[in-house]
N, C-alpha and C. Protein backbone atom coordinates (compact mmCIF):
# COMPACT_ATOMS: atom_id res chain seq x y z
N MET A 1 95.93 91.92 76.52
CA MET A 1 95.63 91.20 77.74
C MET A 1 95.57 92.17 78.90
N THR A 2 94.56 92.11 79.69
CA THR A 2 94.41 93.02 80.81
C THR A 2 94.92 92.39 82.09
N ARG A 3 95.43 93.24 82.96
CA ARG A 3 95.93 92.76 84.25
C ARG A 3 94.78 92.73 85.25
N VAL A 4 94.67 91.66 85.95
CA VAL A 4 93.61 91.51 86.94
C VAL A 4 94.22 91.47 88.33
N ASN A 5 93.74 92.33 89.20
CA ASN A 5 94.21 92.31 90.58
C ASN A 5 93.58 91.15 91.31
N LYS A 6 94.41 90.36 91.97
CA LYS A 6 93.91 89.22 92.72
C LYS A 6 93.72 89.66 94.17
N ARG A 7 92.50 89.94 94.53
CA ARG A 7 92.19 90.36 95.89
C ARG A 7 91.18 89.39 96.46
N VAL A 8 91.36 89.12 97.72
CA VAL A 8 90.42 88.26 98.41
C VAL A 8 89.18 89.09 98.72
N VAL A 9 88.05 88.65 98.24
CA VAL A 9 86.82 89.40 98.46
C VAL A 9 85.88 88.56 99.31
N LYS A 10 85.47 89.14 100.42
CA LYS A 10 84.51 88.48 101.29
C LYS A 10 83.28 89.36 101.39
N LYS A 11 82.14 88.73 101.44
CA LYS A 11 80.90 89.49 101.55
C LYS A 11 80.29 89.27 102.93
N TYR A 12 79.86 90.35 103.53
CA TYR A 12 79.20 90.29 104.82
C TYR A 12 77.86 90.99 104.72
N LYS A 13 76.87 90.44 105.35
CA LYS A 13 75.56 91.10 105.37
C LYS A 13 75.42 91.83 106.68
N LYS A 14 75.11 93.11 106.58
CA LYS A 14 74.95 93.94 107.76
C LYS A 14 73.69 94.78 107.56
N GLY A 15 72.66 94.47 108.25
CA GLY A 15 71.43 95.25 108.14
C GLY A 15 70.81 95.18 106.76
N GLY A 16 70.92 94.04 106.09
CA GLY A 16 70.30 93.90 104.78
C GLY A 16 71.20 94.29 103.63
N LYS A 17 72.31 95.02 103.90
CA LYS A 17 73.23 95.43 102.84
C LYS A 17 74.42 94.48 102.80
N THR A 18 75.00 94.33 101.64
CA THR A 18 76.17 93.48 101.47
C THR A 18 77.38 94.37 101.25
N SER A 19 78.43 94.16 102.04
CA SER A 19 79.65 94.93 101.86
C SER A 19 80.79 94.00 101.49
N LYS A 20 81.71 94.48 100.64
CA LYS A 20 82.84 93.67 100.21
C LYS A 20 84.09 94.17 100.92
N LYS A 21 84.88 93.23 101.42
CA LYS A 21 86.13 93.58 102.09
C LYS A 21 87.25 92.84 101.39
N ASP A 22 88.24 93.58 100.90
CA ASP A 22 89.32 92.97 100.14
C ASP A 22 90.58 92.82 100.99
N ALA A 23 91.65 92.36 100.36
CA ALA A 23 92.90 92.10 101.07
C ALA A 23 93.52 93.39 101.61
N CYS A 24 93.35 94.50 100.90
CA CYS A 24 93.87 95.78 101.39
C CYS A 24 93.18 96.17 102.69
N TYR A 25 91.90 95.94 102.78
CA TYR A 25 91.15 96.26 104.00
C TYR A 25 91.77 95.54 105.20
N TYR A 26 91.99 94.24 105.05
CA TYR A 26 92.51 93.47 106.19
C TYR A 26 93.94 93.86 106.53
N LYS A 27 94.77 94.15 105.55
CA LYS A 27 96.16 94.52 105.80
C LYS A 27 96.25 95.87 106.51
N VAL A 28 95.43 96.84 106.08
CA VAL A 28 95.45 98.17 106.68
C VAL A 28 94.86 98.13 108.09
N VAL A 29 93.81 97.36 108.31
CA VAL A 29 93.20 97.28 109.63
C VAL A 29 94.18 96.66 110.63
N ARG A 30 94.98 95.69 110.19
CA ARG A 30 95.98 95.11 111.09
C ARG A 30 96.99 96.14 111.55
N ARG A 31 97.34 97.07 110.67
CA ARG A 31 98.34 98.07 111.02
C ARG A 31 97.75 99.24 111.82
N TYR A 32 96.60 99.76 111.41
CA TYR A 32 96.04 100.96 112.01
C TYR A 32 94.94 100.72 113.03
N GLY A 33 94.51 99.50 113.21
CA GLY A 33 93.51 99.20 114.21
C GLY A 33 92.10 99.22 113.67
N PRO A 34 91.16 98.72 114.48
CA PRO A 34 89.78 98.56 114.01
C PRO A 34 88.97 99.86 113.96
N LYS A 35 89.40 100.91 114.66
CA LYS A 35 88.63 102.15 114.64
C LYS A 35 88.83 102.89 113.34
N THR A 36 87.80 103.60 112.91
CA THR A 36 87.87 104.38 111.69
C THR A 36 88.71 105.62 111.93
N SER A 37 89.59 105.93 110.98
CA SER A 37 90.40 107.14 111.10
C SER A 37 90.78 107.63 109.71
N ALA A 38 91.23 108.88 109.65
CA ALA A 38 91.65 109.44 108.38
C ALA A 38 92.93 108.77 107.89
N TYR A 39 93.82 108.41 108.81
CA TYR A 39 95.05 107.73 108.44
C TYR A 39 94.74 106.39 107.77
N ARG A 40 93.78 105.68 108.34
CA ARG A 40 93.42 104.36 107.82
C ARG A 40 92.79 104.48 106.44
N SER A 41 91.91 105.42 106.25
CA SER A 41 91.25 105.54 104.94
C SER A 41 92.25 105.98 103.87
N GLY A 42 93.19 106.83 104.23
CA GLY A 42 94.23 107.23 103.28
C GLY A 42 95.14 106.07 102.92
N ALA A 43 95.48 105.27 103.94
CA ALA A 43 96.34 104.11 103.70
C ALA A 43 95.63 103.09 102.83
N MET A 44 94.34 102.95 103.01
CA MET A 44 93.57 102.00 102.22
C MET A 44 93.54 102.44 100.75
N ALA A 45 93.41 103.74 100.51
CA ALA A 45 93.42 104.25 99.15
C ALA A 45 94.77 104.01 98.48
N LYS A 46 95.85 104.24 99.23
CA LYS A 46 97.19 104.02 98.69
C LYS A 46 97.43 102.54 98.42
N CYS A 47 96.95 101.68 99.31
CA CYS A 47 97.10 100.25 99.15
C CYS A 47 96.39 99.78 97.89
N ARG A 48 95.20 100.26 97.65
CA ARG A 48 94.45 99.86 96.47
C ARG A 48 95.08 100.40 95.20
N LYS A 49 95.78 101.53 95.31
CA LYS A 49 96.43 102.12 94.14
C LYS A 49 97.67 101.33 93.72
N VAL A 50 98.52 100.97 94.68
CA VAL A 50 99.78 100.29 94.35
C VAL A 50 99.67 98.77 94.39
N GLY A 51 98.67 98.26 95.07
CA GLY A 51 98.50 96.81 95.17
C GLY A 51 98.89 96.30 96.55
N VAL A 52 98.31 95.20 96.93
CA VAL A 52 98.50 94.64 98.26
C VAL A 52 99.94 94.22 98.48
N ARG A 53 100.53 93.59 97.49
CA ARG A 53 101.88 93.06 97.66
C ARG A 53 102.92 94.16 97.79
N ASN A 54 102.70 95.32 97.18
CA ASN A 54 103.68 96.40 97.19
C ASN A 54 103.48 97.39 98.33
N TRP A 55 102.32 97.43 98.94
CA TRP A 55 102.03 98.41 99.97
C TRP A 55 102.68 98.02 101.29
N GLY A 56 103.31 98.99 101.94
CA GLY A 56 103.87 98.77 103.26
C GLY A 56 105.26 98.15 103.27
N GLU A 57 105.91 98.05 102.12
CA GLU A 57 107.23 97.44 102.06
C GLU A 57 108.31 98.49 101.86
N GLY A 58 108.01 99.75 102.12
CA GLY A 58 108.90 100.86 101.80
C GLY A 58 110.27 100.89 102.43
N GLY A 59 110.38 100.81 103.73
CA GLY A 59 111.65 101.04 104.38
C GLY A 59 112.54 99.83 104.56
N LYS A 60 112.13 98.70 104.10
CA LYS A 60 112.91 97.49 104.32
C LYS A 60 113.96 97.31 103.23
N LYS A 61 115.21 97.14 103.67
CA LYS A 61 116.29 96.90 102.72
C LYS A 61 117.06 95.68 103.18
N LYS A 62 117.66 95.00 102.23
CA LYS A 62 118.47 93.82 102.58
C LYS A 62 119.83 94.28 103.07
N LYS A 63 120.33 93.62 104.09
CA LYS A 63 121.65 93.95 104.62
C LYS A 63 122.71 93.27 103.76
N LYS A 64 123.78 94.02 103.49
CA LYS A 64 124.89 93.46 102.74
C LYS A 64 125.91 92.89 103.71
N LYS A 65 126.45 91.77 103.37
CA LYS A 65 127.46 91.14 104.22
C LYS A 65 128.80 91.81 103.98
N ARG A 66 129.48 92.13 105.07
CA ARG A 66 130.82 92.70 104.98
C ARG A 66 131.85 91.63 105.24
N ARG A 67 132.98 91.78 104.62
CA ARG A 67 134.06 90.82 104.82
C ARG A 67 134.98 91.22 105.91
């Protein structure tokens, strides 16, 4: 059984060409802004590698309750 990535795919027509934008695209653009940059393209590659749900959750830890 193969694993299938569930990504939201939207198609937009721009000048006769169709481009696909997935969930990683929207998540990275929210963080890095609408302008194109090397940081954004690198983040998009990492997001697609690890998956949308796992990307960007690195530094968050649950707090332990002390008595």
